[in-house]
Amino acid sequence: MYYVAEVDREICSSKACSLCTTFCPESNCINYSEKDKSAYVSVDRCKACEICVYICDDIAKNNAIKMKWIDNLDEGFVIKNTGIVIR
């Protein structure tokens, strides 16, 4: 099992602050989609430090990021180059 951040895109897109992308210490872990106006997490890069949760909850007051076990992610994920899909 692995613990990772998950962004509630509905909440995030309504706020569109992108602060989490600025403060994440892992490069290319949390990115911002101009198309969706929401942040998203690259689960293979997330180190479960929870800094994004702190920034989103306590600084931005958005409460759009929660930590979840990787097999409980709402949108699932794909591990490229292996063909493994988890939903």
Protein backbone atom coordinates (compact mmCIF):
# COMPACT_ATOMS: atom_id res chain seq x y z
CA MET A 1 0.00 0.00 0.00
CA TYR A 2 1.04 3.55 -0.68
CA TYR A 3 -0.42 6.80 0.62
CA VAL A 4 -0.83 9.66 -1.89
CA ALA A 5 -2.56 13.02 -2.28
CA GLU A 6 -5.79 13.27 -4.23
CA VAL A 7 -7.30 16.51 -5.50
CA ASP A 8 -11.05 17.01 -5.51
CA ARG A 9 -11.18 18.60 -8.95
CA GLU A 10 -14.64 20.08 -8.45
CA ILE A 11 -13.53 22.07 -5.40
CA CYS A 12 -10.14 22.89 -6.89
CA SER A 13 -11.51 24.15 -10.20
CA SER A 14 -13.96 26.45 -8.42
CA LYS A 15 -11.06 28.08 -6.52
CA ALA A 16 -8.28 27.78 -9.16
CA CYS A 17 -5.53 29.02 -6.80
CA SER A 18 -2.73 26.53 -7.75
CA LEU A 19 -0.79 27.21 -4.51
CA CYS A 20 -0.18 23.50 -3.99
CA THR A 21 1.85 23.34 -7.21
CA THR A 22 4.13 26.08 -5.91
CA PHE A 23 4.87 24.55 -2.53
CA CYS A 24 5.17 20.84 -3.38
CA PRO A 25 8.81 19.86 -2.77
CA GLU A 26 8.73 17.05 -5.37
CA SER A 27 9.16 18.32 -8.92
CA ASN A 28 6.36 17.51 -11.35
CA CYS A 29 4.26 15.89 -8.62
CA ILE A 30 1.37 18.34 -8.47
CA ASN A 31 0.63 20.10 -11.73
CA TYR A 32 -2.06 22.51 -12.84
CA SER A 33 -4.29 21.88 -15.85
CA GLU A 34 -5.35 25.06 -17.64
CA LYS A 35 -7.99 23.01 -19.44
CA ASP A 36 -9.66 21.78 -16.23
CA LYS A 37 -8.60 24.78 -14.09
CA SER A 38 -7.59 22.25 -11.45
CA ALA A 39 -4.48 20.73 -9.92
CA TYR A 40 -3.75 17.03 -10.35
CA VAL A 41 -1.28 14.66 -8.70
CA SER A 42 1.16 12.38 -10.50
CA VAL A 43 0.81 9.45 -8.11
CA ASP A 44 4.17 7.98 -9.06
CA ARG A 45 5.91 11.17 -7.84
CA CYS A 46 3.94 11.77 -4.61
CA LYS A 47 5.97 11.10 -1.45
CA ALA A 48 3.01 11.56 0.93
CA CYS A 49 4.61 14.53 2.69
CA GLU A 50 1.16 16.19 3.05
CA ILE A 51 2.53 19.70 2.45
CA CYS A 52 -0.10 20.17 -0.27
CA VAL A 53 -2.84 19.26 2.20
CA TYR A 54 -1.55 21.87 4.66
CA ILE A 55 -1.31 24.54 1.94
CA CYS A 56 -4.78 23.76 0.57
CA ASP A 57 -6.52 23.47 3.96
CA ASP A 58 -4.74 25.96 6.20
CA ILE A 59 -3.35 28.59 3.83
CA ALA A 60 -5.78 28.65 0.87
CA LYS A 61 -8.79 27.43 2.93
CA ASN A 62 -9.96 25.30 -0.02
CA ASN A 63 -9.93 21.80 1.53
CA ALA A 64 -9.59 20.24 -1.92
CA ILE A 65 -6.72 17.80 -1.23
CA LYS A 66 -6.93 14.68 0.90
CA MET A 67 -4.52 11.81 1.49
CA LYS A 68 -5.74 8.38 0.38
CA TRP A 69 -4.42 4.89 -0.04
CA ILE A 70 -3.44 4.47 -3.67
CA ASP A 71 -5.93 1.68 -4.30
CA ASN A 72 -8.77 3.89 -3.00
CA LEU A 73 -8.29 6.81 -5.39
CA ASP A 74 -11.56 7.99 -6.90
CA GLU A 75 -10.23 8.30 -10.44
CA GLY A 76 -7.80 5.38 -10.34
CA PHE A 77 -4.47 5.57 -12.12
CA VAL A 78 -2.33 3.91 -14.78
CA ILE A 79 1.24 2.77 -14.30
CA LYS A 80 2.78 3.40 -17.71
CA ASN A 81 5.12 0.89 -19.34
CA THR A 82 3.54 -1.97 -17.36
CA GLY A 83 -0.03 -1.89 -18.57
CA ILE A 84 -1.31 -2.00 -14.98
CA VAL A 85 -4.58 -0.12 -14.56
CA ILE A 86 -6.07 0.36 -11.10
CA ARG A 87 -9.62 1.65 -10.76
